[in-house]
């Protein structure tokens, strides 16, 4: 994962745990921008959704 500049707010700890629990081959594919969007509850890029498709559960 690429490094992205620091933020004033803290990342969501649950989402941090999720990212850490992903298999290494998936974590290596995630860019800094994608990780940042996920951790700070921003709109997720399509590229990240594609990488995580096997790990996401659709809400009803």
C-alpha atoms as a PDB file:
ATOM      1  CA  UNK A   1       0.000   0.000   0.000  1.00  0.00           C
ATOM      2  CA  UNK A   2       1.205   3.487  -0.819  1.00  0.00           C
ATOM      3  CA  UNK A   3       1.599   6.101   1.893  1.00  0.00           C
ATOM      4  CA  UNK A   4      -0.752   9.083   1.884  1.00  0.00           C
ATOM      5  CA  UNK A   5      -0.365  12.283   3.929  1.00  0.00           C
ATOM      6  CA  UNK A   6      -1.634  12.458   7.512  1.00  0.00           C
ATOM      7  CA  UNK A   7      -5.203  13.448   8.361  1.00  0.00           C
ATOM      8  CA  UNK A   8      -6.650  15.329  11.276  1.00  0.00           C
ATOM      9  CA  UNK A   9      -9.333  12.756  12.016  1.00  0.00           C
ATOM     10  CA  UNK A  10      -8.517   9.208  13.108  1.00  0.00           C
ATOM     11  CA  UNK A  11      -9.229   6.214  10.878  1.00  0.00           C
ATOM     12  CA  UNK A  12     -12.110   3.940  11.812  1.00  0.00           C
ATOM     13  CA  UNK A  13     -10.613   1.199  14.049  1.00  0.00           C
ATOM     14  CA  UNK A  14     -13.008  -1.468  12.760  1.00  0.00           C
ATOM     15  CA  UNK A  15     -12.061  -0.711   9.178  1.00  0.00           C
ATOM     16  CA  UNK A  16      -8.373  -0.725  10.130  1.00  0.00           C
ATOM     17  CA  UNK A  17      -8.832  -4.229  11.569  1.00  0.00           C
ATOM     18  CA  UNK A  18     -10.583  -5.320   8.376  1.00  0.00           C
ATOM     19  CA  UNK A  19      -7.733  -4.066   6.186  1.00  0.00           C
ATOM     20  CA  UNK A  20      -5.168  -5.775   8.406  1.00  0.00           C
ATOM     21  CA  UNK A  21      -7.059  -9.071   8.219  1.00  0.00           C
ATOM     22  CA  UNK A  22      -7.038  -9.214   4.414  1.00  0.00           C
ATOM     23  CA  UNK A  23      -4.722 -11.706   2.715  1.00  0.00           C
ATOM     24  CA  UNK A  24      -1.309 -10.279   1.839  1.00  0.00           C
ATOM     25  CA  UNK A  25      -1.885 -10.583  -1.915  1.00  0.00           C
ATOM     26  CA  UNK A  26      -4.958  -8.332  -1.611  1.00  0.00           C
ATOM     27  CA  UNK A  27      -3.259  -5.808   0.688  1.00  0.00           C
ATOM     28  CA  UNK A  28      -0.377  -5.475  -1.779  1.00  0.00           C
ATOM     29  CA  UNK A  29      -2.828  -4.459  -4.527  1.00  0.00           C
ATOM     30  CA  UNK A  30      -4.556  -1.696  -2.538  1.00  0.00           C
ATOM     31  CA  UNK A  31      -3.274   1.808  -3.232  1.00  0.00           C
ATOM     32  CA  UNK A  32      -2.859   4.494  -0.586  1.00  0.00           C
ATOM     33  CA  UNK A  33      -5.819   6.401  -1.978  1.00  0.00           C
ATOM     34  CA  UNK A  34      -8.027   3.308  -1.843  1.00  0.00           C
ATOM     35  CA  UNK A  35      -6.974   2.516   1.730  1.00  0.00           C
ATOM     36  CA  UNK A  36      -7.581   6.113   2.777  1.00  0.00           C
ATOM     37  CA  UNK A  37     -11.097   6.110   1.304  1.00  0.00           C
ATOM     38  CA  UNK A  38     -11.885   2.874   3.118  1.00  0.00           C
ATOM     39  CA  UNK A  39     -10.422   3.923   6.483  1.00  0.00           C
ATOM     40  CA  UNK A  40     -12.068   7.352   6.523  1.00  0.00           C
ATOM     41  CA  UNK A  41     -15.481   6.181   5.259  1.00  0.00           C
ATOM     42  CA  UNK A  42     -15.246   8.088   1.990  1.00  0.00           C
ATOM     43  CA  UNK A  43     -16.843   6.945  -1.244  1.00  0.00           C
ATOM     44  CA  UNK A  44     -15.013   3.798  -2.280  1.00  0.00           C
ATOM     45  CA  UNK A  45     -13.401   3.803  -5.713  1.00  0.00           C
ATOM     46  CA  UNK A  46     -14.607   1.159  -8.149  1.00  0.00           C
ATOM     47  CA  UNK A  47     -11.060  -0.200  -8.292  1.00  0.00           C
ATOM     48  CA  UNK A  48     -11.168  -0.971  -4.556  1.00  0.00           C
ATOM     49  CA  UNK A  49     -14.624  -2.511  -4.776  1.00  0.00           C
ATOM     50  CA  UNK A  50     -13.343  -4.806  -7.512  1.00  0.00           C
ATOM     51  CA  UNK A  51     -10.363  -5.884  -5.376  1.00  0.00           C
ATOM     52  CA  UNK A  52     -12.588  -6.546  -2.355  1.00  0.00           C
ATOM     53  CA  UNK A  53     -15.556  -8.111  -4.166  1.00  0.00           C
ATOM     54  CA  UNK A  54     -14.904 -11.559  -2.661  1.00  0.00           C
ATOM     55  CA  UNK A  55     -14.821 -10.055   0.869  1.00  0.00           C
ATOM     56  CA  UNK A  56     -17.813  -7.708   0.770  1.00  0.00           C
ATOM     57  CA  UNK A  57     -21.341  -8.544   1.860  1.00  0.00           C
ATOM     58  CA  UNK A  58     -24.145  -6.594   0.227  1.00  0.00           C
ATOM     59  CA  UNK A  59     -26.511  -4.897   2.666  1.00  0.00           C
ATOM     60  CA  UNK A  60     -30.246  -5.202   2.080  1.00  0.00           C
END
